[in-house]
Protein backbone atom coordinates (compact mmCIF):
# COMPACT_ATOMS: atom_id res chain seq x y z
CA UNK A 1 31.47 44.48 46.87
CA UNK A 2 30.11 44.41 43.27
CA UNK A 3 27.23 45.80 41.11
CA UNK A 4 27.15 42.31 40.07
CA UNK A 5 26.63 40.52 43.97
CA UNK A 6 23.00 39.50 44.20
CA UNK A 7 23.12 40.85 47.98
CA UNK A 8 23.32 44.63 47.12
CA UNK A 9 20.38 44.49 45.06
CA UNK A 10 18.34 42.89 47.58
CA UNK A 11 19.31 44.73 50.28
CA UNK A 12 18.62 48.01 48.20
CA UNK A 13 15.26 46.70 47.54
CA UNK A 14 14.56 45.88 51.23
CA UNK A 15 15.39 49.64 52.00
CA UNK A 16 13.04 50.71 48.88
CA UNK A 17 9.62 48.88 49.88
CA UNK A 18 9.31 51.13 53.44
CA UNK A 19 10.18 54.38 51.45
CA UNK A 20 6.96 53.41 49.31
CA UNK A 21 4.77 54.59 52.13
CA UNK A 22 6.29 58.17 51.92
CA UNK A 23 7.50 58.84 48.31
CA UNK A 24 6.26 58.61 45.19
CA UNK A 25 7.25 55.53 43.19
CA UNK A 26 10.12 57.60 40.87
CA UNK A 27 11.65 58.75 43.84
CA UNK A 28 11.69 55.31 45.60
CA UNK A 29 13.35 54.15 42.71
CA UNK A 30 16.04 56.85 42.95
CA UNK A 31 16.30 56.52 46.69
CA UNK A 32 17.01 52.62 45.47
CA UNK A 33 19.37 53.08 42.85
CA UNK A 34 21.34 55.41 44.71
CA UNK A 35 21.78 53.06 48.12
CA UNK A 36 22.57 50.00 45.95
CA UNK A 37 25.54 52.61 44.60
CA UNK A 38 26.58 54.04 47.53
CA UNK A 39 26.44 50.38 49.85
CA UNK A 40 28.72 48.88 46.57
CA UNK A 41 30.81 51.77 47.48
CA UNK A 42 31.36 53.02 43.93
CA UNK A 43 31.00 56.79 44.37
CA UNK A 44 33.06 56.99 47.77
CA UNK A 45 36.01 54.96 45.74
CA UNK A 46 35.54 57.38 42.75
CA UNK A 47 35.58 60.25 44.71
CA UNK A 48 38.44 59.30 46.82
CA UNK A 49 40.32 58.34 43.61
CA UNK A 50 39.32 61.97 41.92
CA UNK A 51 40.20 63.76 45.22
CA UNK A 52 42.98 62.08 45.91
CA UNK A 53 42.00 61.73 49.68
CA UNK A 54 42.93 59.30 52.30
CA UNK A 55 41.26 55.66 52.07
CA UNK A 56 40.85 55.14 55.55
CA UNK A 57 38.08 53.12 56.51
CA UNK A 58 36.70 55.55 59.19
CA UNK A 59 36.47 58.19 56.64
CA UNK A 60 34.81 55.75 53.95
CA UNK A 61 32.36 55.06 56.44
CA UNK A 62 31.87 58.84 57.40
CA UNK A 63 31.15 59.59 53.12
CA UNK A 64 29.22 56.70 53.39
CA UNK A 65 26.22 58.24 55.92
CA UNK A 66 26.77 61.04 54.82
CA UNK A 67 25.44 60.31 51.22
CA UNK A 68 22.40 58.64 52.46
CA UNK A 69 21.47 61.64 54.64
CA UNK A 70 21.86 63.28 51.15
CA UNK A 71 19.88 61.31 48.94
CA UNK A 72 17.11 61.59 51.68
CA UNK A 73 17.18 64.78 52.29
CA UNK A 74 17.07 65.00 48.43
CA UNK A 75 13.96 62.64 48.04
CA UNK A 76 12.43 64.79 50.79
CA UNK A 77 12.97 67.97 49.12
CA UNK A 78 11.61 67.03 45.97
CA UNK A 79 8.58 65.06 47.59
CA UNK A 80 7.48 68.50 49.24
CA UNK A 81 8.05 70.78 46.28
CA UNK A 82 5.72 68.22 43.99
CA UNK A 83 7.75 66.52 41.57
CA UNK A 84 6.15 63.43 40.37
């Protein structure tokens, strides 16, 4: 998927809006942008290219899910530590 694809932005927005109930708006913006990047596979393609690892779909899916969890954990840490 390309970063120019409208569906990626809509999906990231739909994902970010409920997060407004849990996190402050700057953190929600970080979550939405990172969700857009992760779902368009930009960071995963970059990691696979840099690390010269396999491009098996299961590995890509696993990396995708791990990055989503890392973003939520980072957002929770920032919220709890009081970063505005």
